[in-house]
Protein backbone atom coordinates (compact mmCIF):
# COMPACT_ATOMS: atom_id res chain seq x y z
CA MET A 1 -190.49 -149.91 -82.21
CA ARG A 2 -191.46 -148.27 -79.75
CA LYS A 3 -194.50 -145.97 -79.40
CA SER A 4 -192.98 -142.39 -78.53
CA GLY A 5 -196.81 -141.63 -76.94
CA SER A 6 -196.01 -143.87 -74.16
CA ILE A 7 -192.64 -143.00 -72.62
CA LYS A 8 -192.43 -141.15 -69.77
CA ARG A 9 -189.78 -138.73 -70.63
CA ARG A 10 -187.66 -136.58 -68.91
CA THR A 11 -185.53 -133.40 -69.47
CA ARG A 12 -181.97 -132.86 -68.77
CA ALA A 13 -183.31 -130.37 -65.55
CA GLY A 14 -184.90 -133.53 -64.11
CA LYS A 15 -188.18 -132.27 -65.18
CA ARG A 16 -191.26 -134.29 -66.77
CA ARG A 17 -192.24 -133.55 -69.67
CA PRO A 18 -195.36 -134.54 -72.13
CA ASN A 19 -196.57 -138.10 -72.38
CA ARG A 20 -196.94 -137.77 -76.91
CA PRO A 21 -194.88 -135.51 -78.61
CA TRP A 22 -196.25 -133.49 -81.30
CA GLN A 23 -195.29 -135.08 -84.93
CA LEU A 24 -194.00 -132.57 -87.56
CA GLN A 25 -197.17 -133.28 -89.97
CA THR A 26 -199.70 -133.22 -86.71
CA ALA A 27 -198.41 -130.02 -86.08
CA LYS A 28 -198.79 -128.55 -89.58
CA ALA A 29 -202.56 -129.90 -89.71
CA GLN A 30 -203.93 -129.03 -85.82
CA PHE A 31 -200.56 -125.88 -85.50
CA SER A 32 -204.10 -123.36 -83.88
CA GLU A 33 -203.99 -126.95 -81.39
CA LEU A 34 -200.17 -126.91 -80.79
CA PHE A 35 -200.69 -122.78 -80.67
CA ARG A 36 -203.90 -122.82 -77.49
CA ARG A 37 -202.03 -126.07 -75.60
CA ALA A 38 -198.30 -124.09 -76.04
CA ARG A 39 -200.35 -120.84 -74.43
CA SER A 40 -202.55 -122.66 -71.77
CA GLU A 41 -199.94 -126.02 -71.01
CA GLY A 42 -197.15 -124.99 -71.64
CA PRO A 43 -194.09 -125.73 -74.07
CA GLN A 44 -194.57 -128.39 -77.13
CA TRP A 45 -192.19 -130.82 -77.92
CA VAL A 46 -192.97 -131.19 -81.69
CA THR A 47 -190.87 -134.31 -83.49
CA ARG A 48 -189.43 -135.55 -86.87
CA GLN A 49 -188.96 -139.57 -87.66
CA ASP A 50 -189.20 -139.77 -83.86
CA LYS A 51 -186.24 -137.56 -83.10
CA GLU A 52 -187.07 -134.68 -80.94
CA ALA A 53 -186.76 -130.96 -83.21
CA VAL A 54 -188.40 -128.22 -82.31
CA VAL A 55 -190.23 -126.93 -79.01
CA VAL A 56 -193.08 -124.62 -79.09
CA LEU A 57 -193.58 -122.13 -75.96
CA PRO A 58 -195.22 -119.40 -75.21
CA ALA A 59 -194.09 -115.27 -76.57
CA GLU A 60 -192.89 -114.76 -72.07
CA GLU A 61 -191.41 -117.68 -71.30
CA PHE A 62 -189.25 -117.31 -74.25
CA GLU A 63 -188.23 -113.72 -73.68
CA ARG A 64 -187.71 -114.79 -69.53
CA LEU A 65 -185.38 -117.30 -71.08
CA GLN A 66 -183.75 -113.84 -73.34
CA ALA A 67 -183.71 -112.24 -70.66
CA ARG A 68 -181.32 -114.78 -68.98
CA SER A 69 -179.12 -115.43 -71.75
CA ARG A 70 -178.46 -111.28 -71.42
CA GLN A 71 -176.48 -111.62 -68.49
CA PRO A 72 -173.22 -110.16 -67.94
CA GLN A 73 -170.43 -112.64 -69.63
CA ASN A 74 -167.75 -111.56 -66.51
CA LEU A 75 -167.63 -109.66 -62.92
CA VAL A 76 -166.29 -106.50 -64.19
CA GLU A 77 -169.13 -106.36 -66.74
CA PHE A 78 -171.71 -107.27 -63.94
CA PHE A 79 -170.55 -104.47 -61.97
CA ALA A 80 -170.88 -101.98 -64.72
CA ARG A 81 -173.77 -102.74 -65.23
CA SER A 82 -175.28 -102.43 -61.77
CA PRO A 83 -178.07 -100.06 -60.57
CA LEU A 84 -175.45 -99.31 -57.96
CA ALA A 85 -172.57 -97.97 -60.19
CA ARG A 86 -174.13 -95.09 -60.34
CA ALA A 87 -174.68 -94.76 -56.80
CA GLY A 88 -171.75 -92.23 -56.56
CA VAL A 89 -170.46 -94.62 -53.48
CA ASP A 90 -167.01 -93.71 -52.32
CA LEU A 91 -164.78 -96.98 -52.44
CA GLU A 92 -161.80 -94.59 -51.80
CA ARG A 93 -159.24 -95.51 -48.67
CA ALA A 94 -157.43 -94.55 -46.80
CA GLY A 95 -153.62 -95.75 -47.40
CA ASP A 96 -152.85 -97.79 -44.75
CA TYR A 97 -148.97 -97.39 -43.36
CA GLY A 98 -149.33 -99.84 -40.53
CA ARG A 99 -148.66 -99.38 -36.89
CA ALA A 100 -145.53 -98.64 -35.08
CA ILE A 101 -144.92 -101.46 -32.65
CA GLU A 102 -141.43 -101.37 -30.34
CA LEU A 103 -139.19 -104.71 -30.69
């Protein structure tokens, strides 16, 4: 069995995670320290039975991630939410009937 504390792990995006994730029992017993480290060092991984379970992260980071997930789901919704949607831009075009050419 490998010690999880000595393994350098990477996320799917390739960013390095902390070398030592918190075991659930330790995280519960030392929650104040877990909280402090999440605020000062960034996301903290908490595992149960050597499997990743949850990540504790600062509220600001969570809000940033939530804002990303609220992005429009399609192009029509994207343009409808745009600040330019109410700018009064005239998008009407004059009819183009082609030009007369001699054959």
